[in-house]
Amino acid sequence: MAPSRQRLDLPLHDWLNQYTFPLESRYSDLTFAARIYPELVDTLLAHGTTTAMYFATIDSAPSEYLASVCKEKGQRALVGKISMDEKSMCPDYYVESSTQQALSDAEAFIQNVNQIDAQQGLVYPVVTPRFVPTSTKALLEGLGKLVSQYQCHVQTHASESDWARDFTEQTYQKTDVELYNETGLLTRKTVLAHSIFLSESDKETIKTVGAGIAHCPLSNMYFADAAFPLREALDKDLHVGLGSDLSGGPLPSIFHAALDAVSHSRVREAGTNTHLLEQRGEANTRVSFVEAFWLATHGGGLTLDLPIGVFKPGYCFDALVVDSNTQGSQVRVYDDLDSEQDILEKIIVHTTEPAISSVWVSGRRVK
C-alpha cells in the first residue's frame, strides 16, 4: 500500500473503512500503482529490508505489477493479491464480484507470479485472505485447496483485535487459528499477522503445523487492544519474525520494529496501571536486543520457511553495511568503550537510511 499512515488514532474497523479500503481501491488504476510501488520498494531496500511480504490489493494487475517491480529491483518478495468476498463486511466499491471469481483470480495470480520469476526464485505468490470478517467460509475453503495444489505461501491476519477475535468466535464458534486449520490455510508456509489473542490450543496447533507469526509491535500499539505475548511465544519455540505493517505501522524500518519489540516487552513487564503496585505488569516478559535482532533476521527466515537470515552454508547471502562514518549516520561506535553487544544495540536503535551504505540480496548488490 501507499504508506499514507493516516489516522492511526482510529479503531481498526473505522480505520479500514475510512482510509485503508479507499486507498487500496485506487490501485486498480495502474498509473497510480506505477507512481507508488517502485518508490515503496526503493524505500524498503534503502532501509535494509532484503525480504518483504506484501499485502497488495484485490486487483490482480497491480498486484502482479508489484511482483515485477520487486524482481526488477532485486528485492526478495512474497506478494499477495488480497481475497475478500464477504459483501456485508466490505464496501461496495472494494470487494470481489463473487466467490468463484475470487478463487479464479487467486489461481491466475499464483500462476502469473510464478512465471514472473520462474528461474531466480526471488519472488513468490502468496494466497492472501485478508482476515476472517471479509471472507466467506467458501472462499477460505477454496483458497485452502489452491494452497494444497500449488504449495504456496499463505498470509492473513489472526486475532488482531477484540473486534476481529469476537467476530470469528460469534460467527463460527471457533478461533481464527481453528478456522484456518480446518479450511487448509494453516501450513508450514503460513504467516499469521499479529496473533494477539491466541489460546493455548491455538499455540499448540501453530507449533505442530510449523506456521509462523509476524509480530508488528508498533502497529499493535495502535490497533490490537492488547500486547502480543512475545516472550511466551519465543519460550514455546514458535516461529516469530518482525513486521513493520505499513500502513498500520507508520515506519518502514525493521530496525525500528526491533526497537519497538524491546519497548513493547518492557511495557508488558512494567505494566501501565499506576494505581497498582506489586500487581502491576507481567513478570519475566521482556525480550533483549539480541533476541529482537534475531527476530529481524533468522526468526524472519524461519517464519517464511526460507533459507535466509543467517550466515551459514546453504543460506542466501543477504547483507547490508551500516557505516558509522557516512554523512548523516547517527550510529557512533567507540572501540575503547563499546562491547559487541553495545554496538549491536546502537545499530538497532540508531540505524536510519543514511547509515546504510549498501544492501545485498541473494548475492546481488541492490543499493
Foldseek 3Di string as FASTA:
>chain_A
DQQPLPDLQDAPLCCCVVPVQVVLLVVVPVVVLVVGLLVVLVQLVLQQQQEEEDAHAQDQPSQLVSLLSCVVLNGQYATEREAFAPPVSHDPSGHDPHLVVSLVSRLVSQVSSCVSCVDPNRYHYEYEHAAVVRHDLSNLLSSLVVCVVPVGAYEYEFLQAPVRQVVCCVVPVDGRLVSNVVSNNQALQYEYERNADDDPVSLVVQVVRNAEYEYQQQLSVRYRHDARQVQVSVVVVHQYAYDPPRNSHNDSHLLVSLVSLQVSQVCQQQADDPVDDPPGHDHPRGDDSVVSLQRHFVSVCSNNVAQTRDDDPPRFDKDWAFACPFPPFPQDDDPVPDDPVNNSNSCSPGDDSRRTPWIDHRRRTSD
